Amino acid sequence: PKWVPTSSEQILDDYRHYIAQMQPKLPQLFTFIPGSPVTVESIPAFQAAAATHYQTGTPDGKRPGRVVVATSDFAHRTLLLDEAVAYHEGIPGHHMQLSVQQQLKDLPKFRLHTGFSAYTEGWALYAEQLGKEVGFYQDPVSDYGRLNSELFRAVRLVVDTGIHAKGWTRDQVIEYMRKNDVNEPLAQSETDRYIAWPAQACSYKLGQLKILELRERAKKALGPKFDIRTFNDEILSGGALPLDMLDARTTQW
């Protein structure tokens, strides 16, 4: 029962708690920390069916970045995934990546605001794991939420290619998701999303796997000189890139 929210505000407080506890850990993960403000708020009633997401602030910090959280019908939601999603949408995920990108000095203006799904979502999924690496997910149920998030992204690889490369029916997709621990409302809404947005669901896991591959290569190449902080800085300091260009840039570094 403790993982069932008792109010919308409890969900928001959960996100604020996890983002706040990550803030002092950032020096363990980065040498450049932009310090751009981030807030947590509910999705407004007219968008109640939307999923939790991030909205970028302004480069000068006058309008903060916002983690906009789905809180409607709170009694049918769970707090299980909040820690992983807070790191994904907030810090060190989307808010961190986009705050760094906005402050890069040597890129043309359009590059400061563009995105590539495999890079941005890959980074955010990688960021969920960074929370584990600095000692969070202390509650094993919260860590289960992180692992469930990873499983969900792996399921997406199968059903996205099932729809767009293998000719799967909608019913086949729903059935596969049911078998892999995706609840019914989420399976229904996500399937419609994948049908309408080819390959976006693949991008999360493919991007995360590429960043982890580059990290392992950097560890082998640099040996005792490898520093997780300068590696993470390097991944973010070129702005959003297609994965092949990210590979080439990191290899050159």
C-alpha atoms as a PDB file:
ATOM      1  CA  PRO A   1       0.000   0.000   0.000  1.00  0.00           C
ATOM      2  CA  LYS A   2       2.841   2.474   0.639  1.00  0.00           C
ATOM      3  CA  TRP A   3       3.539   2.510  -3.126  1.00  0.00           C
ATOM      4  CA  VAL A   4      -0.003   3.672  -3.967  1.00  0.00           C
ATOM      5  CA  PRO A   5      -0.207   7.496  -3.906  1.00  0.00           C
ATOM      6  CA  THR A   6      -2.736   9.079  -1.568  1.00  0.00           C
ATOM      7  CA  SER A   7      -2.766  12.418  -3.434  1.00  0.00           C
ATOM      8  CA  SER A   8      -1.443  14.173  -6.513  1.00  0.00           C
ATOM      9  CA  GLU A   9       0.799  16.267  -4.282  1.00  0.00           C
ATOM     10  CA  GLN A  10       2.460  13.136  -2.898  1.00  0.00           C
ATOM     11  CA  ILE A  11       3.575  12.205  -6.422  1.00  0.00           C
ATOM     12  CA  LEU A  12       5.020  15.684  -6.984  1.00  0.00           C
ATOM     13  CA  ASP A  13       6.789  15.612  -3.608  1.00  0.00           C
ATOM     14  CA  ASP A  14       8.313  12.257  -4.534  1.00  0.00           C
ATOM     15  CA  TYR A  15       9.834  13.730  -7.700  1.00  0.00           C
ATOM     16  CA  ARG A  16      11.069  16.828  -5.843  1.00  0.00           C
ATOM     17  CA  HIS A  17      12.730  14.631  -3.215  1.00  0.00           C
ATOM     18  CA  TYR A  18      14.632  12.507  -5.751  1.00  0.00           C
ATOM     19  CA  ILE A  19      15.763  15.482  -7.838  1.00  0.00           C
ATOM     20  CA  ALA A  20      16.913  17.328  -4.707  1.00  0.00           C
ATOM     21  CA  GLN A  21      18.914  14.349  -3.420  1.00  0.00           C
ATOM     22  CA  MET A  22      20.681  13.989  -6.773  1.00  0.00           C
ATOM     23  CA  GLN A  23      21.842  17.625  -6.875  1.00  0.00           C
ATOM     24  CA  PRO A  24      24.768  17.296  -4.406  1.00  0.00           C
ATOM     25  CA  LYS A  25      25.925  14.099  -6.137  1.00  0.00           C
ATOM     26  CA  LEU A  26      26.489  15.792  -9.519  1.00  0.00           C
ATOM     27  CA  PRO A  27      30.179  16.632  -8.813  1.00  0.00           C
ATOM     28  CA  GLN A  28      30.800  12.861  -8.711  1.00  0.00           C
ATOM     29  CA  LEU A  29      29.449  12.583 -12.272  1.00  0.00           C
ATOM     30  CA  PHE A  30      30.444  15.829 -14.062  1.00  0.00           C
ATOM     31  CA  THR A  31      33.035  18.591 -13.935  1.00  0.00           C
ATOM     32  CA  PHE A  32      30.694  21.108 -15.639  1.00  0.00           C
ATOM     33  CA  ILE A  33      27.391  21.618 -13.800  1.00  0.00           C
ATOM     34  CA  PRO A  34      25.291  24.356 -15.419  1.00  0.00           C
ATOM     35  CA  GLY A  35      23.145  25.105 -12.358  1.00  0.00           C
ATOM     36  CA  SER A  36      20.004  25.868 -14.381  1.00  0.00           C
ATOM     37  CA  PRO A  37      16.885  25.787 -12.168  1.00  0.00           C
ATOM     38  CA  VAL A  38      14.312  22.995 -12.487  1.00  0.00           C
ATOM     39  CA  THR A  39      10.788  22.780 -11.077  1.00  0.00           C
ATOM     40  CA  VAL A  40       8.270  19.946 -10.728  1.00  0.00           C
ATOM     41  CA  GLU A  41       4.592  20.526 -11.541  1.00  0.00           C
ATOM     42  CA  SER A  42       1.456  18.614 -12.507  1.00  0.00           C
ATOM     43  CA  ILE A  43       0.302  18.180 -16.071  1.00  0.00           C
ATOM     44  CA  PRO A  44      -2.645  20.607 -16.415  1.00  0.00           C
ATOM     45  CA  ALA A  45      -6.159  19.146 -16.454  1.00  0.00           C
ATOM     46  CA  PHE A  46      -6.711  19.788 -20.176  1.00  0.00           C
ATOM     47  CA  GLN A  47      -3.696  17.534 -20.931  1.00  0.00           C
ATOM     48  CA  ALA A  48      -4.480  14.952 -18.249  1.00  0.00           C
ATOM     49  CA  ALA A  49      -3.961  11.974 -20.574  1.00  0.00           C
ATOM     50  CA  ALA A  50      -0.377  12.994 -21.417  1.00  0.00           C
ATOM     51  CA  ALA A  51       2.638  11.170 -19.991  1.00  0.00           C
ATOM     52  CA  THR A  52       5.215  12.674 -17.614  1.00  0.00           C
ATOM     53  CA  HIS A  53       7.733  14.699 -19.645  1.00  0.00           C
ATOM     54  CA  TYR A  54      10.310  17.488 -19.533  1.00  0.00           C
ATOM     55  CA  GLN A  55       9.976  21.031 -20.907  1.00  0.00           C
ATOM     56  CA  THR A  56      13.127  23.051 -21.491  1.00  0.00           C
ATOM     57  CA  GLY A  57      13.710  26.359 -19.717  1.00  0.00           C
ATOM     58  CA  THR A  58      15.472  29.405 -21.119  1.00  0.00           C
ATOM     59  CA  PRO A  59      19.283  29.622 -21.353  1.00  0.00           C
ATOM     60  CA  ASP A  60      19.368  32.580 -18.929  1.00  0.00           C
ATOM     61  CA  GLY A  61      17.465  30.602 -16.285  1.00  0.00           C
ATOM     62  CA  LYS A  62      14.627  33.147 -16.081  1.00  0.00           C
ATOM     63  CA  ARG A  63      12.183  30.398 -16.998  1.00  0.00           C
ATOM     64  CA  PRO A  64      13.263  27.154 -15.296  1.00  0.00           C
ATOM     65  CA  GLY A  65      13.201  23.756 -16.875  1.00  0.00           C
ATOM     66  CA  ARG A  66      10.095  21.842 -15.839  1.00  0.00           C
ATOM     67  CA  VAL A  67       9.473  18.209 -15.044  1.00  0.00           C
ATOM     68  CA  VAL A  68       5.756  17.966 -15.824  1.00  0.00           C
ATOM     69  CA  VAL A  69       4.256  14.979 -14.016  1.00  0.00           C
ATOM     70  CA  ALA A  70       1.154  12.900 -14.723  1.00  0.00           C
ATOM     71  CA  THR A  71      -0.890  12.981 -11.494  1.00  0.00           C
ATOM     72  CA  SER A  72      -4.529  12.591 -12.598  1.00  0.00           C
ATOM     73  CA  ASP A  73      -6.472   9.616 -11.182  1.00  0.00           C
ATOM     74  CA  PHE A  74      -3.668   9.272  -8.613  1.00  0.00           C
ATOM     75  CA  ALA A  75      -5.234   6.313  -6.791  1.00  0.00           C
ATOM     76  CA  HIS A  76      -4.649   4.130  -9.860  1.00  0.00           C
ATOM     77  CA  ARG A  77      -1.023   5.170 -10.195  1.00  0.00           C
ATOM     78  CA  THR A  78       2.113   3.902  -8.461  1.00  0.00           C
ATOM     79  CA  LEU A  79       5.133   5.519  -6.813  1.00  0.00           C
ATOM     80  CA  LEU A  80       7.224   2.546  -7.905  1.00  0.00           C
ATOM     81  CA  LEU A  81       8.813   4.231 -10.935  1.00  0.00           C
ATOM     82  CA  ASP A  82       9.153   7.754  -9.540  1.00  0.00           C
ATOM     83  CA  GLU A  83      12.832   7.583  -8.624  1.00  0.00           C
ATOM     84  CA  ALA A  84      13.929   6.299 -12.049  1.00  0.00           C
ATOM     85  CA  VAL A  85      11.681   8.757 -13.901  1.00  0.00           C
ATOM     86  CA  ALA A  86      12.874  11.700 -11.755  1.00  0.00           C
ATOM     87  CA  TYR A  87      16.473  11.002 -12.807  1.00  0.00           C
ATOM     88  CA  HIS A  88      15.362  10.435 -16.420  1.00  0.00           C
ATOM     89  CA  GLU A  89      13.341  13.638 -16.818  1.00  0.00           C
ATOM     90  CA  GLY A  90      15.218  15.845 -14.338  1.00  0.00           C
ATOM     91  CA  ILE A  91      18.836  15.400 -13.282  1.00  0.00           C
ATOM     92  CA  PRO A  92      21.083  13.930 -14.488  1.00  0.00           C
ATOM     93  CA  GLY A  93      18.712  13.222 -17.419  1.00  0.00           C
ATOM     94  CA  HIS A  94      16.899  15.582 -19.783  1.00  0.00           C
ATOM     95  CA  HIS A  95      17.280  18.716 -17.651  1.00  0.00           C
ATOM     96  CA  MET A  96      21.027  18.230 -17.246  1.00  0.00           C
ATOM     97  CA  GLN A  97      21.627  17.388 -20.910  1.00  0.00           C
ATOM     98  CA  LEU A  98      19.570  20.261 -22.293  1.00  0.00           C
ATOM     99  CA  SER A  99      20.916  22.783 -19.759  1.00  0.00           C
ATOM    100  CA  VAL A 100      24.474  21.933 -20.848  1.00  0.00           C
ATOM    101  CA  GLN A 101      23.507  22.085 -24.525  1.00  0.00           C
ATOM    102  CA  GLN A 102      21.951  25.548 -24.164  1.00  0.00           C
ATOM    103  CA  GLN A 103      25.226  26.938 -22.791  1.00  0.00           C
ATOM    104  CA  LEU A 104      27.639  25.541 -25.378  1.00  0.00           C
ATOM    105  CA  LYS A 105      29.671  28.376 -26.917  1.00  0.00           C
ATOM    106  CA  ASP A 106      31.000  26.967 -30.190  1.00  0.00           C
ATOM    107  CA  LEU A 107      27.817  25.697 -31.840  1.00  0.00           C
ATOM    108  CA  PRO A 108      25.478  27.485 -34.247  1.00  0.00           C
ATOM    109  CA  LYS A 109      22.174  28.606 -32.715  1.00  0.00           C
ATOM    110  CA  PHE A 110      20.049  25.835 -34.233  1.00  0.00           C
ATOM    111  CA  ARG A 111      22.320  23.188 -32.670  1.00  0.00           C
ATOM    112  CA  LEU A 112      21.639  24.576 -29.180  1.00  0.00           C
ATOM    113  CA  HIS A 113      17.959  23.621 -29.393  1.00  0.00           C
ATOM    114  CA  THR A 114      17.817  20.570 -31.640  1.00  0.00           C
ATOM    115  CA  GLY A 115      17.508  16.954 -30.566  1.00  0.00           C
ATOM    116  CA  PHE A 116      18.032  13.433 -31.867  1.00  0.00           C
ATOM    117  CA  SER A 117      15.801  10.935 -30.128  1.00  0.00           C
ATOM    118  CA  ALA A 118      18.418   8.177 -29.834  1.00  0.00           C
ATOM    119  CA  TYR A 119      20.838  10.634 -28.220  1.00  0.00           C
ATOM    120  CA  THR A 120      18.437  12.500 -25.917  1.00  0.00           C
ATOM    121  CA  GLU A 121      16.410   9.489 -24.796  1.00  0.00           C
ATOM    122  CA  GLY A 122      19.514   7.293 -24.705  1.00  0.00           C
ATOM    123  CA  TRP A 123      21.155   9.788 -22.359  1.00  0.00           C
ATOM    124  CA  ALA A 124      18.063   9.959 -20.135  1.00  0.00           C
ATOM    125  CA  LEU A 125      17.879   6.159 -19.831  1.00  0.00           C
ATOM    126  CA  TYR A 126      21.619   6.067 -19.085  1.00  0.00           C
ATOM    127  CA  ALA A 127      20.954   8.737 -16.421  1.00  0.00           C
ATOM    128  CA  GLU A 128      18.596   6.368 -14.602  1.00  0.00           C
ATOM    129  CA  GLN A 129      21.557   4.012 -14.153  1.00  0.00           C
ATOM    130  CA  LEU A 130      23.825   6.851 -12.962  1.00  0.00           C
ATOM    131  CA  GLY A 131      21.505   7.179  -9.960  1.00  0.00           C
ATOM    132  CA  LYS A 132      22.379   3.609  -9.033  1.00  0.00           C
ATOM    133  CA  GLU A 133      26.092   4.296  -9.484  1.00  0.00           C
ATOM    134  CA  VAL A 134      26.100   7.141  -6.944  1.00  0.00           C
ATOM    135  CA  GLY A 135      24.332   5.026  -4.321  1.00  0.00           C
ATOM    136  CA  PHE A 136      20.612   5.672  -4.765  1.00  0.00           C
ATOM    137  CA  TYR A 137      17.653   3.271  -5.192  1.00  0.00           C
ATOM    138  CA  GLN A 138      18.214   2.327  -1.560  1.00  0.00           C
ATOM    139  CA  ASP A 139      14.764   0.786  -1.333  1.00  0.00           C
ATOM    140  CA  PRO A 140      14.794  -2.507  -3.284  1.00  0.00           C
ATOM    141  CA  VAL A 141      11.254  -1.827  -4.526  1.00  0.00           C
ATOM    142  CA  SER A 142      12.424   1.475  -6.012  1.00  0.00           C
ATOM    143  CA  ASP A 143      15.317  -0.393  -7.629  1.00  0.00           C
ATOM    144  CA  TYR A 144      12.764  -2.839  -9.006  1.00  0.00           C
ATOM    145  CA  GLY A 145      11.133   0.234 -10.576  1.00  0.00           C
ATOM    146  CA  ARG A 146      14.444   1.083 -12.273  1.00  0.00           C
ATOM    147  CA  LEU A 147      14.790  -2.470 -13.605  1.00  0.00           C
ATOM    148  CA  ASN A 148      11.160  -2.426 -14.740  1.00  0.00           C
ATOM    149  CA  SER A 149      11.949   0.762 -16.665  1.00  0.00           C
ATOM    150  CA  GLU A 150      14.850  -1.036 -18.390  1.00  0.00           C
ATOM    151  CA  LEU A 151      12.610  -4.004 -19.211  1.00  0.00           C
ATOM    152  CA  PHE A 152       9.973  -1.692 -20.678  1.00  0.00           C
ATOM    153  CA  ARG A 153      12.563  -0.102 -23.005  1.00  0.00           C
ATOM    154  CA  ALA A 154      13.735  -3.564 -24.102  1.00  0.00           C
ATOM    155  CA  VAL A 155      10.120  -4.625 -24.821  1.00  0.00           C
ATOM    156  CA  ARG A 156       9.815  -1.527 -27.010  1.00  0.00           C
ATOM    157  CA  LEU A 157      12.658  -2.753 -29.243  1.00  0.00           C
ATOM    158  CA  VAL A 158      10.625  -5.858 -30.012  1.00  0.00           C
ATOM    159  CA  VAL A 159       7.199  -4.324 -30.546  1.00  0.00           C
ATOM    160  CA  ASP A 160       8.391  -1.285 -32.526  1.00  0.00           C
ATOM    161  CA  THR A 161      10.203  -3.474 -35.046  1.00  0.00           C
ATOM    162  CA  GLY A 162       7.310  -5.934 -34.870  1.00  0.00           C
ATOM    163  CA  ILE A 163       4.896  -3.245 -36.080  1.00  0.00           C
ATOM    164  CA  HIS A 164       7.077  -1.516 -38.660  1.00  0.00           C
ATOM    165  CA  ALA A 165       9.299  -4.314 -40.000  1.00  0.00           C
ATOM    166  CA  LYS A 166       7.427  -7.571 -39.318  1.00  0.00           C
ATOM    167  CA  GLY A 167       3.815  -6.603 -39.929  1.00  0.00           C
ATOM    168  CA  TRP A 168       2.570  -7.326 -36.401  1.00  0.00           C
ATOM    169  CA  THR A 169      -1.090  -6.591 -35.671  1.00  0.00           C
ATOM    170  CA  ARG A 170      -2.155  -4.353 -32.815  1.00  0.00           C
ATOM    171  CA  ASP A 171      -3.341  -7.419 -30.900  1.00  0.00           C
ATOM    172  CA  GLN A 172       0.074  -9.090 -31.248  1.00  0.00           C
ATOM    173  CA  VAL A 173       1.750  -6.018 -29.770  1.00  0.00           C
ATOM    174  CA  ILE A 174      -0.680  -5.818 -26.825  1.00  0.00           C
ATOM    175  CA  GLU A 175      -0.252  -9.533 -26.095  1.00  0.00           C
ATOM    176  CA  TYR A 176       3.554  -9.284 -26.093  1.00  0.00           C
ATOM    177  CA  MET A 177       3.428  -6.312 -23.718  1.00  0.00           C
ATOM    178  CA  ARG A 178       1.041  -8.118 -21.353  1.00  0.00           C
ATOM    179  CA  LYS A 179       3.458 -11.047 -21.183  1.00  0.00           C
ATOM    180  CA  ASN A 180       6.287  -8.695 -20.230  1.00  0.00           C
ATOM    181  CA  ASP A 181       4.825  -6.892 -17.216  1.00  0.00           C
ATOM    182  CA  VAL A 182       3.295  -3.856 -18.980  1.00  0.00           C
ATOM    183  CA  ASN A 183      -0.033  -2.886 -17.404  1.00  0.00           C
ATOM    184  CA  GLU A 184      -3.155  -2.710 -19.571  1.00  0.00           C
ATOM    185  CA  PRO A 185      -3.767   1.070 -19.836  1.00  0.00           C
ATOM    186  CA  LEU A 186      -0.077   1.652 -20.614  1.00  0.00           C
ATOM    187  CA  ALA A 187       0.008  -1.155 -23.184  1.00  0.00           C
ATOM    188  CA  GLN A 188      -2.995   0.318 -25.012  1.00  0.00           C
ATOM    189  CA  SER A 189      -1.764   3.921 -25.103  1.00  0.00           C
ATOM    190  CA  GLU A 190       1.852   3.019 -25.854  1.00  0.00           C
ATOM    191  CA  THR A 191       0.875   0.756 -28.751  1.00  0.00           C
ATOM    192  CA  ASP A 192      -0.973   3.636 -30.414  1.00  0.00           C
ATOM    193  CA  ARG A 193       2.082   5.838 -29.880  1.00  0.00           C
ATOM    194  CA  TYR A 194       4.399   3.303 -31.552  1.00  0.00           C
ATOM    195  CA  ILE A 195       2.052   2.883 -34.509  1.00  0.00           C
ATOM    196  CA  ALA A 196       2.081   6.642 -35.098  1.00  0.00           C
ATOM    197  CA  TRP A 197       5.796   7.277 -34.429  1.00  0.00           C
ATOM    198  CA  PRO A 198       8.031   4.650 -36.090  1.00  0.00           C
ATOM    199  CA  ALA A 199      11.393   3.909 -34.393  1.00  0.00           C
ATOM    200  CA  GLN A 200      11.041   6.459 -31.579  1.00  0.00           C
ATOM    201  CA  ALA A 201      10.475   3.651 -29.083  1.00  0.00           C
ATOM    202  CA  CYS A 202      13.672   1.936 -30.253  1.00  0.00           C
ATOM    203  CA  SER A 203      15.701   5.066 -29.675  1.00  0.00           C
ATOM    204  CA  TYR A 204      15.823   4.880 -25.863  1.00  0.00           C
ATOM    205  CA  LYS A 205      17.529   1.521 -25.589  1.00  0.00           C
ATOM    206  CA  LEU A 206      19.721   1.933 -28.675  1.00  0.00           C
ATOM    207  CA  GLY A 207      21.026   5.261 -27.391  1.00  0.00           C
ATOM    208  CA  GLN A 208      21.676   3.920 -23.890  1.00  0.00           C
ATOM    209  CA  LEU A 209      23.507   0.875 -25.259  1.00  0.00           C
ATOM    210  CA  LYS A 210      25.698   3.102 -27.463  1.00  0.00           C
ATOM    211  CA  ILE A 211      26.694   5.345 -24.538  1.00  0.00           C
ATOM    212  CA  LEU A 212      27.522   2.290 -22.407  1.00  0.00           C
ATOM    213  CA  GLU A 213      29.547   0.820 -25.297  1.00  0.00           C
ATOM    214  CA  LEU A 214      31.506   4.078 -25.649  1.00  0.00           C
ATOM    215  CA  ARG A 215      32.126   4.124 -21.898  1.00  0.00           C
ATOM    216  CA  GLU A 216      33.565   0.600 -21.931  1.00  0.00           C
ATOM    217  CA  ARG A 217      35.786   1.488 -24.902  1.00  0.00           C
ATOM    218  CA  ALA A 218      36.992   4.624 -23.106  1.00  0.00           C
ATOM    219  CA  LYS A 219      37.783   2.614 -19.963  1.00  0.00           C
ATOM    220  CA  LYS A 220      39.886   0.163 -21.968  1.00  0.00           C
ATOM    221  CA  ALA A 221      41.655   2.874 -23.964  1.00  0.00           C
ATOM    222  CA  LEU A 222      42.376   5.200 -21.028  1.00  0.00           C
ATOM    223  CA  GLY A 223      42.997   2.633 -18.290  1.00  0.00           C
ATOM    224  CA  PRO A 224      43.789   4.368 -14.979  1.00  0.00           C
ATOM    225  CA  LYS A 225      43.304   7.789 -16.630  1.00  0.00           C
ATOM    226  CA  PHE A 226      39.597   7.091 -17.178  1.00  0.00           C
ATOM    227  CA  ASP A 227      37.394   9.506 -15.197  1.00  0.00           C
ATOM    228  CA  ILE A 228      33.604   9.052 -15.285  1.00  0.00           C
ATOM    229  CA  ARG A 229      33.195  12.827 -14.872  1.00  0.00           C
ATOM    230  CA  THR A 230      35.173  13.798 -17.959  1.00  0.00           C
ATOM    231  CA  PHE A 231      33.553  10.971 -19.942  1.00  0.00           C
ATOM    232  CA  ASN A 232      30.060  12.237 -19.084  1.00  0.00           C
ATOM    233  CA  ASP A 233      31.167  15.798 -19.862  1.00  0.00           C
ATOM    234  CA  GLU A 234      32.374  14.625 -23.263  1.00  0.00           C
ATOM    235  CA  ILE A 235      29.082  12.916 -24.109  1.00  0.00           C
ATOM    236  CA  LEU A 236      27.192  16.149 -23.362  1.00  0.00           C
ATOM    237  CA  SER A 237      29.639  18.779 -24.611  1.00  0.00           C
ATOM    238  CA  GLY A 238      28.968  18.324 -28.333  1.00  0.00           C
ATOM    239  CA  GLY A 239      25.219  18.822 -28.085  1.00  0.00           C
ATOM    240  CA  ALA A 240      22.707  16.329 -29.458  1.00  0.00           C
ATOM    241  CA  LEU A 241      24.230  14.156 -32.183  1.00  0.00           C
ATOM    242  CA  PRO A 242      23.264  11.160 -34.306  1.00  0.00           C
ATOM    243  CA  LEU A 243      24.817   8.057 -32.740  1.00  0.00           C
ATOM    244  CA  ASP A 244      27.424   7.507 -35.467  1.00  0.00           C
ATOM    245  CA  MET A 245      28.689  11.079 -35.000  1.00  0.00           C
ATOM    246  CA  LEU A 246      28.668  10.643 -31.211  1.00  0.00           C
ATOM    247  CA  ASP A 247      30.770   7.504 -31.695  1.00  0.00           C
ATOM    248  CA  ALA A 248      33.256   9.277 -33.945  1.00  0.00           C
ATOM    249  CA  ARG A 249      33.520  12.315 -31.638  1.00  0.00           C
ATOM    250  CA  THR A 250      34.031  10.209 -28.501  1.00  0.00           C
ATOM    251  CA  THR A 251      36.567   7.984 -30.233  1.00  0.00           C
ATOM    252  CA  GLN A 252      38.538  11.078 -31.271  1.00  0.00           C
ATOM    253  CA  TRP A 253      38.447  12.309 -27.661  1.00  0.00           C
END
